[in-house]
Amino acid sequence: MDPVTGLSLGRIAIGATALASPEAAGKLFRLDTTANRQLPYMLRMFGSREVALGVVTLAARGRARKALVAVGIAIDGADAWAGQDAGRSGAVDRRTSQFLVAPAAGAVVAGLLSLVRRHR
């Protein structure tokens, strides 16, 4: 499977989960939706962004698709930083921080590799 397609389908799956069941998404991300009653709202906002970016990236072709991959890289980079900062600040424990950073950083790498591969 093309890495961009895989990333896009992953975004749609995770985003749909966050939209449909923020409690399930919270558990997936090791976040406590019971202790923080605003978290389901934030997870749904995250979910809608992920679904939208995944769908438009799948539908795009050529330069538009390349631009959307670059947007995804920026978003995933910000997500990796947010996960790291949450660990640094104590908002989440170190293991949870690493768990949040790893997939975001992996998505950055996959996005960059897909741009390099398409550029050749």
N, C-alpha and C. Protein backbone atom coordinates (compact mmCIF):
# COMPACT_ATOMS: atom_id res chain seq x y z
N MET A 1 0.85 -1.18 0.00
CA MET A 1 0.00 0.00 0.00
C MET A 1 0.89 1.24 0.00
N ASP A 2 0.52 2.21 -0.77
CA ASP A 2 1.20 3.50 -0.81
C ASP A 2 1.18 4.12 0.60
N PRO A 3 2.32 4.66 1.09
CA PRO A 3 2.34 5.22 2.44
C PRO A 3 1.33 6.36 2.66
N VAL A 4 1.09 7.16 1.63
CA VAL A 4 0.12 8.25 1.77
C VAL A 4 -1.29 7.68 1.96
N THR A 5 -1.60 6.65 1.21
CA THR A 5 -2.91 6.00 1.37
C THR A 5 -3.03 5.40 2.77
N GLY A 6 -1.98 4.73 3.22
CA GLY A 6 -1.99 4.15 4.57
C GLY A 6 -2.16 5.21 5.65
N LEU A 7 -1.41 6.30 5.54
CA LEU A 7 -1.55 7.39 6.52
C LEU A 7 -2.96 7.97 6.48
N SER A 8 -3.49 8.15 5.29
CA SER A 8 -4.83 8.73 5.16
C SER A 8 -5.89 7.82 5.76
N LEU A 9 -5.80 6.54 5.47
CA LEU A 9 -6.77 5.59 6.04
C LEU A 9 -6.64 5.52 7.56
N GLY A 10 -5.40 5.59 8.06
CA GLY A 10 -5.18 5.62 9.51
C GLY A 10 -5.80 6.85 10.14
N ARG A 11 -5.62 8.00 9.48
CA ARG A 11 -6.25 9.24 9.98
C ARG A 11 -7.76 9.08 10.05
N ILE A 12 -8.34 8.54 9.00
CA ILE A 12 -9.80 8.39 8.96
C ILE A 12 -10.27 7.45 10.06
N ALA A 13 -9.58 6.35 10.25
CA ALA A 13 -9.98 5.38 11.29
C ALA A 13 -9.87 5.97 12.69
N ILE A 14 -8.76 6.61 12.98
CA ILE A 14 -8.57 7.20 14.32
C ILE A 14 -9.54 8.37 14.52
N GLY A 15 -9.70 9.18 13.49
CA GLY A 15 -10.63 10.31 13.59
C GLY A 15 -12.06 9.87 13.77
N ALA A 16 -12.47 8.85 13.02
CA ALA A 16 -13.84 8.35 13.16
C ALA A 16 -14.07 7.78 14.55
N THR A 17 -13.07 7.11 15.10
CA THR A 17 -13.18 6.59 16.46
C THR A 17 -13.36 7.74 17.45
N ALA A 18 -12.55 8.79 17.31
CA ALA A 18 -12.65 9.93 18.22
C ALA A 18 -14.00 10.63 18.10
N LEU A 19 -14.53 10.71 16.89
CA LEU A 19 -15.85 11.34 16.70
C LEU A 19 -16.97 10.48 17.28
N ALA A 20 -16.93 9.20 16.98
CA ALA A 20 -18.01 8.30 17.39
C ALA A 20 -17.96 7.96 18.87
N SER A 21 -16.76 7.79 19.41
CA SER A 21 -16.62 7.38 20.81
C SER A 21 -15.36 8.00 21.41
N PRO A 22 -15.47 9.25 21.86
CA PRO A 22 -14.30 9.89 22.44
C PRO A 22 -13.75 9.12 23.64
N GLU A 23 -14.61 8.40 24.34
CA GLU A 23 -14.14 7.60 25.48
C GLU A 23 -13.20 6.49 25.00
N ALA A 24 -13.57 5.82 23.90
CA ALA A 24 -12.71 4.78 23.33
C ALA A 24 -11.40 5.39 22.83
N ALA A 25 -11.48 6.55 22.18
CA ALA A 25 -10.26 7.22 21.71
C ALA A 25 -9.39 7.62 22.89
N GLY A 26 -10.00 8.09 23.96
CA GLY A 26 -9.24 8.44 25.16
C GLY A 26 -8.48 7.25 25.70
N LYS A 27 -9.13 6.10 25.74
CA LYS A 27 -8.45 4.88 26.20
C LYS A 27 -7.32 4.50 25.25
N LEU A 28 -7.57 4.63 23.95
CA LEU A 28 -6.55 4.33 22.95
C LEU A 28 -5.30 5.19 23.16
N PHE A 29 -5.53 6.46 23.48
CA PHE A 29 -4.43 7.40 23.69
C PHE A 29 -3.94 7.46 25.14
N ARG A 30 -4.52 6.59 25.99
CA ARG A 30 -4.17 6.53 27.41
C ARG A 30 -4.48 7.85 28.14
N LEU A 31 -5.60 8.46 27.79
CA LEU A 31 -6.04 9.70 28.41
C LEU A 31 -7.31 9.45 29.21
N ASP A 32 -7.49 10.18 30.29
CA ASP A 32 -8.60 9.95 31.21
C ASP A 32 -9.76 10.89 30.89
N THR A 33 -10.74 10.39 30.14
CA THR A 33 -11.89 11.21 29.78
C THR A 33 -12.87 11.40 30.94
N THR A 34 -12.73 10.59 31.98
CA THR A 34 -13.59 10.74 33.15
C THR A 34 -13.10 11.88 34.02
N ALA A 35 -11.81 11.95 34.26
CA ALA A 35 -11.24 13.00 35.11
C ALA A 35 -11.28 14.37 34.43
N ASN A 36 -11.22 14.38 33.11
CA ASN A 36 -11.26 15.64 32.37
C ASN A 36 -12.50 15.62 31.48
N ARG A 37 -13.55 16.22 31.95
CA ARG A 37 -14.83 16.16 31.25
C ARG A 37 -14.84 16.93 29.94
N GLN A 38 -13.85 17.82 29.73
CA GLN A 38 -13.77 18.55 28.46
C GLN A 38 -13.05 17.73 27.38
N LEU A 39 -12.34 16.70 27.78
CA LEU A 39 -11.55 15.91 26.84
C LEU A 39 -12.38 15.29 25.70
N PRO A 40 -13.58 14.76 25.95
CA PRO A 40 -14.36 14.23 24.82
C PRO A 40 -14.62 15.30 23.73
N TYR A 41 -14.88 16.51 24.15
CA TYR A 41 -15.07 17.60 23.18
C TYR A 41 -13.80 17.80 22.35
N MET A 42 -12.65 17.86 23.00
CA MET A 42 -11.38 18.06 22.29
C MET A 42 -11.07 16.87 21.38
N LEU A 43 -11.37 15.68 21.83
CA LEU A 43 -11.13 14.50 21.00
C LEU A 43 -12.01 14.52 19.75
N ARG A 44 -13.24 14.99 19.88
CA ARG A 44 -14.10 15.09 18.70
C ARG A 44 -13.57 16.15 17.73
N MET A 45 -13.05 17.26 18.26
CA MET A 45 -12.44 18.26 17.38
C MET A 45 -11.25 17.65 16.65
N PHE A 46 -10.41 16.93 17.38
CA PHE A 46 -9.27 16.23 16.78
C PHE A 46 -9.76 15.26 15.71
N GLY A 47 -10.80 14.51 16.04
CA GLY A 47 -11.33 13.51 15.12
C GLY A 47 -11.82 14.10 13.81
N SER A 48 -12.52 15.21 13.90
CA SER A 48 -13.03 15.82 12.67
C SER A 48 -11.87 16.30 11.79
N ARG A 49 -10.83 16.82 12.39
CA ARG A 49 -9.64 17.26 11.64
C ARG A 49 -8.99 16.07 10.94
N GLU A 50 -8.84 14.97 11.67
CA GLU A 50 -8.18 13.80 11.10
C GLU A 50 -8.99 13.20 9.95
N VAL A 51 -10.30 13.09 10.13
CA VAL A 51 -11.15 12.55 9.05
C VAL A 51 -11.06 13.46 7.83
N ALA A 52 -11.20 14.75 8.02
CA ALA A 52 -11.16 15.69 6.90
C ALA A 52 -9.83 15.61 6.15
N LEU A 53 -8.72 15.63 6.88
CA LEU A 53 -7.41 15.58 6.23
C LEU A 53 -7.22 14.25 5.51
N GLY A 54 -7.66 13.16 6.11
CA GLY A 54 -7.53 11.86 5.47
C GLY A 54 -8.33 11.77 4.18
N VAL A 55 -9.57 12.23 4.22
CA VAL A 55 -10.45 12.16 3.04
C VAL A 55 -9.93 13.04 1.91
N VAL A 56 -9.58 14.29 2.22
CA VAL A 56 -9.13 15.17 1.13
C VAL A 56 -7.79 14.72 0.56
N THR A 57 -6.94 14.13 1.37
CA THR A 57 -5.67 13.63 0.86
C THR A 57 -5.91 12.45 -0.07
N LEU A 58 -6.80 11.55 0.31
CA LEU A 58 -7.11 10.43 -0.58
C LEU A 58 -7.70 10.90 -1.91
N ALA A 59 -8.51 11.95 -1.88
CA ALA A 59 -9.17 12.44 -3.09
C ALA A 59 -8.24 13.27 -3.97
N ALA A 60 -7.21 13.84 -3.39
CA ALA A 60 -6.33 14.76 -4.13
C ALA A 60 -5.37 14.01 -5.03
N ARG A 61 -4.90 14.70 -6.04
CA ARG A 61 -3.91 14.16 -6.97
C ARG A 61 -2.84 15.22 -7.23
N GLY A 62 -1.69 14.77 -7.68
CA GLY A 62 -0.64 15.68 -8.11
C GLY A 62 -0.13 16.62 -7.04
N ARG A 63 -0.01 17.89 -7.42
CA ARG A 63 0.53 18.89 -6.51
C ARG A 63 -0.34 19.10 -5.28
N ALA A 64 -1.65 18.99 -5.45
CA ALA A 64 -2.55 19.16 -4.30
C ALA A 64 -2.30 18.07 -3.26
N ARG A 65 -2.10 16.86 -3.73
CA ARG A 65 -1.84 15.75 -2.79
C ARG A 65 -0.51 15.96 -2.08
N LYS A 66 0.49 16.40 -2.81
CA LYS A 66 1.80 16.68 -2.22
C LYS A 66 1.68 17.77 -1.15
N ALA A 67 0.90 18.80 -1.44
CA ALA A 67 0.70 19.88 -0.47
C ALA A 67 -0.03 19.37 0.78
N LEU A 68 -1.01 18.50 0.59
CA LEU A 68 -1.74 17.95 1.74
C LEU A 68 -0.86 17.03 2.58
N VAL A 69 0.05 16.30 1.93
CA VAL A 69 1.00 15.49 2.68
C VAL A 69 1.88 16.41 3.54
N ALA A 70 2.30 17.54 2.97
CA ALA A 70 3.11 18.50 3.73
C ALA A 70 2.32 19.07 4.92
N VAL A 71 1.05 19.35 4.72
CA VAL A 71 0.20 19.81 5.83
C VAL A 71 0.12 18.73 6.90
N GLY A 72 -0.06 17.48 6.48
CA GLY A 72 -0.10 16.37 7.43
C GLY A 72 1.19 16.25 8.23
N ILE A 73 2.33 16.44 7.56
CA ILE A 73 3.62 16.39 8.24
C ILE A 73 3.68 17.47 9.32
N ALA A 74 3.23 18.67 8.98
CA ALA A 74 3.24 19.77 9.96
C ALA A 74 2.33 19.46 11.15
N ILE A 75 1.15 18.94 10.87
CA ILE A 75 0.21 18.60 11.94
C ILE A 75 0.77 17.48 12.82
N ASP A 76 1.31 16.45 12.19
CA ASP A 76 1.88 15.34 12.96
C ASP A 76 3.09 15.79 13.77
N GLY A 77 3.88 16.71 13.22
CA GLY A 77 5.00 17.27 13.97
C GLY A 77 4.52 18.03 15.19
N ALA A 78 3.45 18.80 15.02
CA ALA A 78 2.87 19.52 16.15
C ALA A 78 2.31 18.55 17.19
N ASP A 79 1.69 17.46 16.72
CA ASP A 79 1.17 16.45 17.64
C ASP A 79 2.30 15.78 18.43
N ALA A 80 3.42 15.51 17.75
CA ALA A 80 4.57 14.91 18.44
C ALA A 80 5.10 15.87 19.50
N TRP A 81 5.21 17.14 19.14
CA TRP A 81 5.68 18.13 20.12
C TRP A 81 4.70 18.22 21.29
N ALA A 82 3.40 18.20 21.01
CA ALA A 82 2.40 18.29 22.08
C ALA A 82 2.50 17.10 23.03
N GLY A 83 2.72 15.91 22.48
CA GLY A 83 2.88 14.73 23.32
C GLY A 83 4.12 14.82 24.20
N GLN A 84 5.19 15.31 23.61
CA GLN A 84 6.44 15.47 24.37
C GLN A 84 6.26 16.53 25.46
N ASP A 85 5.62 17.63 25.11
CA ASP A 85 5.41 18.71 26.07
C ASP A 85 4.47 18.28 27.20
N ALA A 86 3.49 17.46 26.88
CA ALA A 86 2.59 16.95 27.92
C ALA A 86 3.36 16.12 28.94
N GLY A 87 4.32 15.36 28.47
CA GLY A 87 5.17 14.59 29.39
C GLY A 87 6.09 15.50 30.20
N ARG A 88 6.66 16.49 29.55
CA ARG A 88 7.56 17.42 30.23
C ARG A 88 6.84 18.20 31.32
N SER A 89 5.62 18.62 31.03
CA SER A 89 4.87 19.44 31.99
C SER A 89 4.22 18.62 33.10
N GLY A 90 4.17 17.30 32.92
CA GLY A 90 3.52 16.45 33.91
C GLY A 90 2.03 16.23 33.65
N ALA A 91 1.53 16.73 32.52
CA ALA A 91 0.12 16.51 32.18
C ALA A 91 -0.17 15.03 31.98
N VAL A 92 0.84 14.30 31.47
CA VAL A 92 0.76 12.85 31.34
C VAL A 92 2.07 12.27 31.84
N ASP A 93 2.06 10.99 32.20
CA ASP A 93 3.31 10.38 32.66
C ASP A 93 4.25 10.13 31.47
N ARG A 94 5.48 9.80 31.77
CA ARG A 94 6.51 9.64 30.75
C ARG A 94 6.15 8.56 29.73
N ARG A 95 5.64 7.43 30.18
CA ARG A 95 5.26 6.36 29.25
C ARG A 95 4.15 6.78 28.31
N THR A 96 3.16 7.47 28.85
CA THR A 96 2.07 7.95 28.00
C THR A 96 2.60 8.97 27.01
N SER A 97 3.49 9.85 27.46
CA SER A 97 4.09 10.82 26.56
C SER A 97 4.79 10.12 25.40
N GLN A 98 5.57 9.11 25.70
CA GLN A 98 6.27 8.37 24.65
C GLN A 98 5.27 7.68 23.72
N PHE A 99 4.21 7.17 24.30
CA PHE A 99 3.16 6.50 23.52
C PHE A 99 2.48 7.49 22.58
N LEU A 100 2.31 8.74 23.00
CA LEU A 100 1.70 9.76 22.16
C LEU A 100 2.65 10.26 21.07
N VAL A 101 3.93 10.37 21.42
CA VAL A 101 4.92 10.89 20.48
C VAL A 101 5.22 9.90 19.36
N ALA A 102 5.34 8.62 19.69
CA ALA A 102 5.81 7.62 18.72
C ALA A 102 4.99 7.57 17.42
N PRO A 103 3.65 7.45 17.47
CA PRO A 103 2.93 7.38 16.19
C PRO A 103 2.96 8.69 15.42
N ALA A 104 2.96 9.81 16.14
CA ALA A 104 3.03 11.10 15.45
C ALA A 104 4.37 11.26 14.75
N ALA A 105 5.45 10.91 15.44
CA ALA A 105 6.78 10.99 14.83
C ALA A 105 6.89 10.01 13.67
N GLY A 106 6.33 8.83 13.82
CA GLY A 106 6.32 7.86 12.73
C GLY A 106 5.58 8.37 11.51
N ALA A 107 4.47 9.07 11.74
CA ALA A 107 3.71 9.65 10.63
C ALA A 107 4.50 10.74 9.93
N VAL A 108 5.27 11.52 10.69
CA VAL A 108 6.13 12.54 10.09
C VAL A 108 7.14 11.86 9.16
N VAL A 109 7.80 10.83 9.67
CA VAL A 109 8.80 10.11 8.87
C VAL A 109 8.17 9.51 7.62
N ALA A 110 7.02 8.86 7.77
CA ALA A 110 6.34 8.26 6.61
C ALA A 110 5.95 9.33 5.59
N GLY A 111 5.45 10.45 6.07
CA GLY A 111 5.09 11.54 5.16
C GLY A 111 6.30 12.08 4.42
N LEU A 112 7.41 12.29 5.14
CA LEU A 112 8.63 12.78 4.50
C LEU A 112 9.15 11.78 3.47
N LEU A 113 9.14 10.50 3.83
CA LEU A 113 9.60 9.48 2.89
C LEU A 113 8.73 9.45 1.64
N SER A 114 7.43 9.62 1.80
CA SER A 114 6.55 9.61 0.63
C SER A 114 6.83 10.80 -0.28
N LEU A 115 7.15 11.96 0.31
CA LEU A 115 7.49 13.13 -0.51
C LEU A 115 8.79 12.92 -1.26
N VAL A 116 9.77 12.35 -0.58
CA VAL A 116 11.07 12.08 -1.22
C VAL A 116 10.90 11.06 -2.34
N ARG A 117 10.13 10.02 -2.06
CA ARG A 117 9.90 8.97 -3.06
C ARG A 117 9.17 9.51 -4.28
N ARG A 118 8.19 10.35 -4.06
CA ARG A 118 7.42 10.92 -5.19
C ARG A 118 8.24 11.95 -5.98
N HIS A 119 9.21 12.54 -5.31
CA HIS A 119 10.02 13.58 -5.95
C HIS A 119 10.99 12.97 -6.97
N ARG A 120 11.37 11.73 -6.75
CA ARG A 120 12.34 11.07 -7.66
C ARG A 120 11.75 10.80 -9.00
